[in-house]
Amino acid sequence: MRRLFLAIGLCLLVCCRHSSGRGDAGETLLPAIPVTLPDGAVIRAELAATPADQQRGLMHRTRLASDRGMLFVFPEAVRRPFWMYSTLIPLDIIWMDTNHSIVFISANTPPCPPEKGTNCPNYGGSQPARYVLELAAGAGAGHGLKVGDRLRF
């Protein structure tokens, strides 16, 4: 009987932890959707659809698994430069048009830790984009992503 209560308690602890929206490093996780790459790989991408979520992005994260990412969804396609302020890990940043076709890739974009202040460079933004996908650095090249490829989500 005692083992049963311990098992139930452990299950509740694990279930509550995952439903709280917190990851292993304590970061807040957003709802995620599958993004299928041209090579058939599937990335679980957190959706950053609100201005607050988009501003926070992947700030303060200490790691990002190779099969994870963040998909920024904007209401219209315009030029959208990104910066890496308070981002602690390098990322591949992929800009897409309204048809989910890649228009620009910033590979291995370096982090810009908070101690640099707001003196972080901007990346991309030369082409109108409605969607931006952030992946772990090297994931884009690992999947052979290139301008013109279309992602499914």
N, C-alpha and C. Protein backbone atom coordinates (compact mmCIF):
# COMPACT_ATOMS: atom_id res chain seq x y z
N MET A 1 0.83 -1.18 0.00
CA MET A 1 0.00 0.00 0.00
C MET A 1 0.88 1.26 0.00
N ARG A 2 1.93 1.20 0.81
CA ARG A 2 2.83 2.36 0.88
C ARG A 2 3.47 2.63 -0.49
N ARG A 3 3.84 1.55 -1.20
CA ARG A 3 4.43 1.71 -2.53
C ARG A 3 3.43 2.35 -3.50
N LEU A 4 2.18 1.98 -3.37
CA LEU A 4 1.15 2.56 -4.23
C LEU A 4 1.05 4.07 -4.02
N PHE A 5 1.03 4.52 -2.76
CA PHE A 5 0.97 5.95 -2.48
C PHE A 5 2.23 6.67 -2.97
N LEU A 6 3.39 6.03 -2.83
CA LEU A 6 4.62 6.63 -3.33
C LEU A 6 4.58 6.76 -4.85
N ALA A 7 4.07 5.74 -5.52
CA ALA A 7 3.97 5.77 -6.98
C ALA A 7 3.00 6.86 -7.44
N ILE A 8 1.87 6.98 -6.76
CA ILE A 8 0.89 8.02 -7.10
C ILE A 8 1.49 9.41 -6.86
N GLY A 9 2.17 9.57 -5.73
CA GLY A 9 2.80 10.85 -5.42
C GLY A 9 3.85 11.24 -6.46
N LEU A 10 4.66 10.26 -6.86
CA LEU A 10 5.68 10.52 -7.88
C LEU A 10 5.03 10.89 -9.21
N CYS A 11 3.97 10.18 -9.57
CA CYS A 11 3.26 10.48 -10.81
C CYS A 11 2.69 11.89 -10.78
N LEU A 12 2.08 12.29 -9.66
CA LEU A 12 1.52 13.63 -9.54
C LEU A 12 2.61 14.69 -9.63
N LEU A 13 3.75 14.43 -9.01
CA LEU A 13 4.86 15.38 -9.06
C LEU A 13 5.34 15.56 -10.50
N VAL A 14 5.52 14.48 -11.23
CA VAL A 14 5.98 14.55 -12.62
C VAL A 14 4.92 15.21 -13.49
N CYS A 15 3.66 14.82 -13.33
CA CYS A 15 2.59 15.40 -14.16
C CYS A 15 2.45 16.89 -13.89
N CYS A 16 2.47 17.30 -12.64
CA CYS A 16 2.33 18.71 -12.32
C CYS A 16 3.52 19.50 -12.84
N ARG A 17 4.70 18.93 -12.77
CA ARG A 17 5.90 19.63 -13.25
C ARG A 17 5.77 19.90 -14.74
N HIS A 18 5.32 18.91 -15.52
CA HIS A 18 5.22 19.10 -16.96
C HIS A 18 4.06 20.00 -17.34
N SER A 19 2.99 20.00 -16.57
CA SER A 19 1.86 20.85 -16.92
C SER A 19 2.09 22.29 -16.48
N SER A 20 3.11 22.53 -15.67
CA SER A 20 3.35 23.89 -15.20
C SER A 20 3.99 24.77 -16.25
N GLY A 21 4.47 24.15 -17.35
CA GLY A 21 5.11 24.94 -18.39
C GLY A 21 6.55 25.28 -18.07
N ARG A 22 7.20 24.50 -17.23
CA ARG A 22 8.60 24.75 -16.89
C ARG A 22 9.45 23.61 -17.42
N GLY A 23 10.60 23.96 -17.93
CA GLY A 23 11.54 22.97 -18.46
C GLY A 23 12.54 22.56 -17.41
N ASP A 24 13.49 21.72 -17.82
CA ASP A 24 14.49 21.20 -16.90
C ASP A 24 15.35 22.29 -16.28
N ALA A 25 15.64 23.36 -17.03
CA ALA A 25 16.50 24.42 -16.52
C ALA A 25 15.68 25.52 -15.84
N GLY A 26 14.37 25.29 -15.62
CA GLY A 26 13.54 26.26 -14.95
C GLY A 26 12.95 27.30 -15.88
N GLU A 27 13.24 27.20 -17.19
CA GLU A 27 12.72 28.19 -18.12
C GLU A 27 11.24 27.92 -18.38
N THR A 28 10.53 28.97 -18.72
CA THR A 28 9.12 28.83 -19.05
C THR A 28 9.00 28.28 -20.46
N LEU A 29 8.23 27.22 -20.60
CA LEU A 29 8.00 26.63 -21.91
C LEU A 29 6.62 27.05 -22.41
N LEU A 30 6.56 27.32 -23.70
CA LEU A 30 5.30 27.70 -24.33
C LEU A 30 4.71 26.47 -25.01
N PRO A 31 3.42 26.51 -25.36
CA PRO A 31 2.85 25.39 -26.13
C PRO A 31 3.67 25.19 -27.41
N ALA A 32 3.82 23.93 -27.80
CA ALA A 32 4.67 23.60 -28.95
C ALA A 32 3.87 22.91 -30.05
N ILE A 33 4.35 23.09 -31.28
CA ILE A 33 3.77 22.41 -32.44
C ILE A 33 4.89 21.73 -33.22
N PRO A 34 4.55 20.72 -34.01
CA PRO A 34 5.58 20.10 -34.85
C PRO A 34 5.85 20.94 -36.09
N VAL A 35 7.13 21.10 -36.41
CA VAL A 35 7.56 21.76 -37.64
C VAL A 35 8.34 20.72 -38.41
N THR A 36 7.87 20.39 -39.61
CA THR A 36 8.53 19.36 -40.42
C THR A 36 9.48 20.02 -41.40
N LEU A 37 10.73 19.59 -41.36
CA LEU A 37 11.76 20.13 -42.24
C LEU A 37 11.75 19.37 -43.56
N PRO A 38 12.37 19.92 -44.61
CA PRO A 38 12.36 19.26 -45.91
C PRO A 38 12.94 17.83 -45.90
N ASP A 39 13.86 17.54 -44.97
CA ASP A 39 14.43 16.18 -44.92
C ASP A 39 13.55 15.21 -44.14
N GLY A 40 12.38 15.68 -43.67
CA GLY A 40 11.44 14.83 -42.94
C GLY A 40 11.60 14.88 -41.42
N ALA A 41 12.66 15.51 -40.94
CA ALA A 41 12.84 15.65 -39.48
C ALA A 41 11.75 16.55 -38.92
N VAL A 42 11.36 16.24 -37.69
CA VAL A 42 10.32 17.03 -37.03
C VAL A 42 10.93 17.73 -35.82
N ILE A 43 10.73 19.02 -35.76
CA ILE A 43 11.18 19.86 -34.64
C ILE A 43 9.95 20.21 -33.81
N ARG A 44 10.04 20.05 -32.49
CA ARG A 44 8.97 20.51 -31.60
C ARG A 44 9.28 21.96 -31.28
N ALA A 45 8.50 22.86 -31.85
CA ALA A 45 8.77 24.29 -31.72
C ALA A 45 7.75 24.95 -30.79
N GLU A 46 8.26 25.61 -29.76
CA GLU A 46 7.40 26.41 -28.90
C GLU A 46 6.88 27.58 -29.73
N LEU A 47 5.62 27.92 -29.53
CA LEU A 47 5.00 29.02 -30.27
C LEU A 47 5.14 30.33 -29.52
N ALA A 48 5.81 31.29 -30.14
CA ALA A 48 5.91 32.64 -29.60
C ALA A 48 4.99 33.51 -30.46
N ALA A 49 3.75 33.67 -30.02
CA ALA A 49 2.75 34.37 -30.83
C ALA A 49 2.35 35.72 -30.24
N THR A 50 2.63 35.94 -28.96
CA THR A 50 2.28 37.22 -28.35
C THR A 50 3.52 38.11 -28.30
N PRO A 51 3.34 39.43 -28.27
CA PRO A 51 4.51 40.31 -28.18
C PRO A 51 5.41 40.00 -26.98
N ALA A 52 4.82 39.67 -25.84
CA ALA A 52 5.63 39.36 -24.65
C ALA A 52 6.46 38.10 -24.87
N ASP A 53 5.84 37.06 -25.43
CA ASP A 53 6.57 35.82 -25.69
C ASP A 53 7.66 36.04 -26.74
N GLN A 54 7.36 36.85 -27.73
CA GLN A 54 8.34 37.14 -28.79
C GLN A 54 9.51 37.95 -28.25
N GLN A 55 9.24 38.88 -27.36
CA GLN A 55 10.32 39.67 -26.79
C GLN A 55 11.23 38.79 -25.92
N ARG A 56 10.67 37.86 -25.18
CA ARG A 56 11.45 36.97 -24.31
C ARG A 56 12.17 35.91 -25.14
N GLY A 57 11.48 35.36 -26.13
CA GLY A 57 12.11 34.36 -26.99
C GLY A 57 12.83 33.28 -26.21
N LEU A 58 14.07 33.01 -26.58
CA LEU A 58 14.88 31.99 -25.90
C LEU A 58 15.89 32.60 -24.93
N MET A 59 15.60 33.81 -24.47
CA MET A 59 16.48 34.46 -23.49
C MET A 59 16.66 33.56 -22.27
N HIS A 60 17.85 33.60 -21.72
CA HIS A 60 18.20 32.95 -20.45
C HIS A 60 18.21 31.43 -20.51
N ARG A 61 17.96 30.84 -21.65
CA ARG A 61 18.02 29.38 -21.77
C ARG A 61 19.49 28.96 -21.81
N THR A 62 19.79 27.89 -21.15
CA THR A 62 21.18 27.41 -21.12
C THR A 62 21.42 26.28 -22.11
N ARG A 63 20.35 25.78 -22.69
CA ARG A 63 20.50 24.73 -23.71
C ARG A 63 19.21 24.64 -24.53
N LEU A 64 19.37 24.04 -25.71
CA LEU A 64 18.24 23.79 -26.59
C LEU A 64 18.53 22.48 -27.31
N ALA A 65 17.69 21.50 -27.11
CA ALA A 65 17.90 20.19 -27.74
C ALA A 65 17.84 20.33 -29.26
N SER A 66 18.51 19.42 -29.94
CA SER A 66 18.59 19.50 -31.41
C SER A 66 17.24 19.27 -32.09
N ASP A 67 16.28 18.69 -31.39
CA ASP A 67 14.95 18.47 -31.98
C ASP A 67 13.91 19.46 -31.44
N ARG A 68 14.38 20.55 -30.86
CA ARG A 68 13.50 21.59 -30.30
C ARG A 68 13.80 22.93 -30.95
N GLY A 69 12.86 23.86 -30.80
CA GLY A 69 13.05 25.19 -31.33
C GLY A 69 11.97 26.12 -30.84
N MET A 70 11.95 27.32 -31.41
CA MET A 70 10.91 28.29 -31.11
C MET A 70 10.46 28.91 -32.43
N LEU A 71 9.15 28.91 -32.65
CA LEU A 71 8.56 29.47 -33.86
C LEU A 71 7.85 30.77 -33.49
N PHE A 72 8.32 31.86 -34.08
CA PHE A 72 7.71 33.18 -33.90
C PHE A 72 6.69 33.36 -35.01
N VAL A 73 5.46 33.67 -34.62
CA VAL A 73 4.37 33.86 -35.58
C VAL A 73 3.90 35.30 -35.49
N PHE A 74 4.00 36.01 -36.62
CA PHE A 74 3.64 37.42 -36.67
C PHE A 74 2.40 37.60 -37.54
N PRO A 75 1.65 38.70 -37.35
CA PRO A 75 0.41 38.89 -38.10
C PRO A 75 0.62 39.20 -39.58
N GLU A 76 1.79 39.71 -39.95
CA GLU A 76 2.04 40.04 -41.36
C GLU A 76 3.53 39.90 -41.66
N ALA A 77 3.82 39.83 -42.95
CA ALA A 77 5.21 39.72 -43.39
C ALA A 77 5.82 41.11 -43.56
N VAL A 78 6.80 41.40 -42.72
CA VAL A 78 7.59 42.63 -42.82
C VAL A 78 9.04 42.28 -42.48
N ARG A 79 9.93 43.23 -42.66
CA ARG A 79 11.33 43.00 -42.29
C ARG A 79 11.43 42.90 -40.77
N ARG A 80 12.06 41.84 -40.30
CA ARG A 80 12.11 41.55 -38.87
C ARG A 80 13.52 41.22 -38.42
N PRO A 81 14.35 42.23 -38.15
CA PRO A 81 15.67 41.90 -37.60
C PRO A 81 15.53 41.34 -36.19
N PHE A 82 16.38 40.39 -35.87
CA PHE A 82 16.40 39.79 -34.53
C PHE A 82 17.72 40.15 -33.86
N TRP A 83 17.71 40.18 -32.55
CA TRP A 83 18.95 40.33 -31.81
C TRP A 83 19.00 39.27 -30.73
N MET A 84 20.16 39.07 -30.15
CA MET A 84 20.38 37.96 -29.22
C MET A 84 20.59 38.43 -27.78
N TYR A 85 20.05 39.60 -27.44
CA TYR A 85 20.22 40.13 -26.09
C TYR A 85 19.75 39.12 -25.04
N SER A 86 20.59 38.87 -24.06
CA SER A 86 20.32 37.92 -22.95
C SER A 86 20.09 36.50 -23.44
N THR A 87 20.50 36.20 -24.65
CA THR A 87 20.45 34.83 -25.14
C THR A 87 21.82 34.23 -24.83
N LEU A 88 21.83 33.07 -24.19
CA LEU A 88 23.07 32.50 -23.68
C LEU A 88 23.66 31.41 -24.56
N ILE A 89 22.92 31.00 -25.60
CA ILE A 89 23.38 29.91 -26.47
C ILE A 89 23.34 30.37 -27.92
N PRO A 90 24.25 29.86 -28.75
CA PRO A 90 24.18 30.21 -30.18
C PRO A 90 22.98 29.54 -30.82
N LEU A 91 22.42 30.19 -31.84
CA LEU A 91 21.21 29.69 -32.51
C LEU A 91 21.34 29.80 -34.02
N ASP A 92 20.59 28.96 -34.71
CA ASP A 92 20.32 29.16 -36.14
C ASP A 92 18.97 29.87 -36.19
N ILE A 93 18.91 30.99 -36.90
CA ILE A 93 17.66 31.74 -37.00
C ILE A 93 17.23 31.70 -38.46
N ILE A 94 15.99 31.26 -38.69
CA ILE A 94 15.48 31.03 -40.04
C ILE A 94 14.22 31.87 -40.26
N TRP A 95 14.29 32.78 -41.22
CA TRP A 95 13.16 33.65 -41.55
C TRP A 95 12.39 33.03 -42.71
N MET A 96 11.04 33.07 -42.63
CA MET A 96 10.17 32.50 -43.65
C MET A 96 9.09 33.49 -44.06
N ASP A 97 8.66 33.37 -45.30
CA ASP A 97 7.59 34.23 -45.81
C ASP A 97 6.22 33.63 -45.44
N THR A 98 5.16 34.19 -46.00
CA THR A 98 3.80 33.74 -45.67
C THR A 98 3.53 32.31 -46.14
N ASN A 99 4.32 31.80 -47.09
CA ASN A 99 4.15 30.43 -47.59
C ASN A 99 5.04 29.42 -46.88
N HIS A 100 5.69 29.86 -45.80
CA HIS A 100 6.60 29.02 -45.00
C HIS A 100 7.90 28.71 -45.74
N SER A 101 8.22 29.48 -46.78
CA SER A 101 9.47 29.30 -47.53
C SER A 101 10.57 30.14 -46.89
N ILE A 102 11.75 29.55 -46.74
CA ILE A 102 12.88 30.24 -46.11
C ILE A 102 13.37 31.37 -47.02
N VAL A 103 13.48 32.57 -46.42
CA VAL A 103 13.97 33.72 -47.17
C VAL A 103 15.36 34.16 -46.69
N PHE A 104 15.76 33.74 -45.46
CA PHE A 104 17.09 34.08 -44.96
C PHE A 104 17.43 33.16 -43.80
N ILE A 105 18.71 32.84 -43.66
CA ILE A 105 19.20 32.03 -42.55
C ILE A 105 20.40 32.72 -41.93
N SER A 106 20.38 32.89 -40.63
CA SER A 106 21.55 33.34 -39.87
C SER A 106 22.03 32.12 -39.09
N ALA A 107 23.07 31.47 -39.61
CA ALA A 107 23.58 30.24 -39.00
C ALA A 107 24.56 30.57 -37.87
N ASN A 108 24.52 29.75 -36.83
CA ASN A 108 25.45 29.89 -35.70
C ASN A 108 25.50 31.33 -35.18
N THR A 109 24.34 31.91 -35.00
CA THR A 109 24.24 33.28 -34.50
C THR A 109 24.74 33.32 -33.06
N PRO A 110 25.75 34.14 -32.78
CA PRO A 110 26.37 34.11 -31.45
C PRO A 110 25.47 34.71 -30.37
N PRO A 111 25.60 34.19 -29.15
CA PRO A 111 24.83 34.75 -28.03
C PRO A 111 25.32 36.16 -27.70
N CYS A 112 24.49 36.88 -26.97
CA CYS A 112 24.85 38.21 -26.49
C CYS A 112 24.42 38.27 -25.02
N PRO A 113 25.32 37.88 -24.12
CA PRO A 113 24.95 37.81 -22.70
C PRO A 113 24.57 39.16 -22.13
N PRO A 114 23.79 39.16 -21.05
CA PRO A 114 23.27 40.40 -20.47
C PRO A 114 24.37 41.38 -20.06
N GLU A 115 25.56 40.88 -19.72
CA GLU A 115 26.62 41.80 -19.29
C GLU A 115 27.11 42.71 -20.42
N LYS A 116 26.75 42.39 -21.67
CA LYS A 116 27.09 43.28 -22.79
C LYS A 116 26.10 44.45 -22.89
N GLY A 117 25.11 44.44 -22.02
CA GLY A 117 24.10 45.48 -22.09
C GLY A 117 23.26 45.30 -23.34
N THR A 118 22.78 46.36 -23.87
CA THR A 118 21.95 46.26 -25.07
C THR A 118 22.77 46.51 -26.34
N ASN A 119 24.08 46.35 -26.25
CA ASN A 119 24.98 46.55 -27.40
C ASN A 119 25.11 45.27 -28.21
N CYS A 120 24.01 44.68 -28.57
CA CYS A 120 24.00 43.45 -29.35
C CYS A 120 23.64 43.79 -30.80
N PRO A 121 24.32 43.15 -31.75
CA PRO A 121 23.98 43.42 -33.16
C PRO A 121 22.64 42.80 -33.56
N ASN A 122 22.07 43.32 -34.62
CA ASN A 122 20.87 42.74 -35.22
C ASN A 122 21.28 41.75 -36.30
N TYR A 123 20.43 40.76 -36.53
CA TYR A 123 20.66 39.76 -37.57
C TYR A 123 19.43 39.65 -38.45
N GLY A 124 19.65 39.39 -39.73
CA GLY A 124 18.55 39.19 -40.66
C GLY A 124 17.71 40.44 -40.85
N GLY A 125 16.49 40.20 -41.28
CA GLY A 125 15.56 41.30 -41.45
C GLY A 125 15.65 42.00 -42.79
N SER A 126 16.44 41.45 -43.71
CA SER A 126 16.56 42.10 -45.02
C SER A 126 15.41 41.72 -45.95
N GLN A 127 14.72 40.64 -45.65
CA GLN A 127 13.59 40.18 -46.45
C GLN A 127 12.33 40.17 -45.58
N PRO A 128 11.17 40.50 -46.13
CA PRO A 128 9.94 40.39 -45.34
C PRO A 128 9.72 38.95 -44.88
N ALA A 129 9.34 38.81 -43.62
CA ALA A 129 9.09 37.48 -43.05
C ALA A 129 7.88 37.54 -42.13
N ARG A 130 7.08 36.48 -42.18
CA ARG A 130 5.95 36.37 -41.26
C ARG A 130 6.26 35.38 -40.14
N TYR A 131 7.19 34.45 -40.39
CA TYR A 131 7.57 33.43 -39.42
C TYR A 131 9.08 33.43 -39.25
N VAL A 132 9.51 33.16 -38.02
CA VAL A 132 10.94 33.00 -37.74
C VAL A 132 11.08 31.78 -36.84
N LEU A 133 11.98 30.89 -37.22
CA LEU A 133 12.23 29.67 -36.45
C LEU A 133 13.64 29.74 -35.89
N GLU A 134 13.76 29.55 -34.58
CA GLU A 134 15.07 29.47 -33.95
C GLU A 134 15.34 28.02 -33.58
N LEU A 135 16.54 27.57 -33.96
CA LEU A 135 16.99 26.20 -33.69
C LEU A 135 18.34 26.26 -32.99
N ALA A 136 18.75 25.14 -32.40
CA ALA A 136 20.09 25.04 -31.84
C ALA A 136 21.11 25.28 -32.96
N ALA A 137 22.19 25.97 -32.65
CA ALA A 137 23.22 26.27 -33.65
C ALA A 137 23.69 24.98 -34.32
N GLY A 138 23.76 25.01 -35.63
CA GLY A 138 24.21 23.85 -36.41
C GLY A 138 23.08 22.96 -36.89
N ALA A 139 21.89 23.10 -36.32
CA ALA A 139 20.77 22.25 -36.71
C ALA A 139 20.34 22.52 -38.15
N GLY A 140 20.36 23.78 -38.57
CA GLY A 140 19.97 24.11 -39.94
C GLY A 140 20.87 23.42 -40.95
N ALA A 141 22.18 23.54 -40.76
CA ALA A 141 23.14 22.89 -41.66
C ALA A 141 23.02 21.37 -41.55
N GLY A 142 22.80 20.87 -40.35
CA GLY A 142 22.65 19.44 -40.16
C GLY A 142 21.48 18.85 -40.92
N HIS A 143 20.46 19.65 -41.14
CA HIS A 143 19.28 19.21 -41.90
C HIS A 143 19.32 19.72 -43.34
N GLY A 144 20.41 20.38 -43.72
CA GLY A 144 20.56 20.85 -45.09
C GLY A 144 19.64 21.99 -45.47
N LEU A 145 19.19 22.79 -44.49
CA LEU A 145 18.25 23.89 -44.81
C LEU A 145 18.94 24.95 -45.65
N LYS A 146 18.18 25.48 -46.61
CA LYS A 146 18.70 26.53 -47.48
C LYS A 146 17.55 27.45 -47.90
N VAL A 147 17.91 28.64 -48.33
CA VAL A 147 16.92 29.62 -48.79
C VAL A 147 16.11 28.97 -49.93
N GLY A 148 14.78 29.13 -49.86
CA GLY A 148 13.87 28.55 -50.84
C GLY A 148 13.19 27.29 -50.34
N ASP A 149 13.79 26.61 -49.35
CA ASP A 149 13.14 25.41 -48.78
C ASP A 149 11.85 25.83 -48.09
N ARG A 150 10.90 24.91 -48.09
CA ARG A 150 9.61 25.17 -47.45
C ARG A 150 9.44 24.25 -46.25
N LEU A 151 9.06 24.81 -45.11
CA LEU A 151 8.81 24.04 -43.90
C LEU A 151 7.31 23.84 -43.75
N ARG A 152 6.93 22.77 -43.09
CA ARG A 152 5.49 22.49 -42.87
C ARG A 152 5.16 22.63 -41.41
N PHE A 153 4.14 23.43 -41.14
CA PHE A 153 3.60 23.57 -39.78
C PHE A 153 2.21 24.12 -39.85
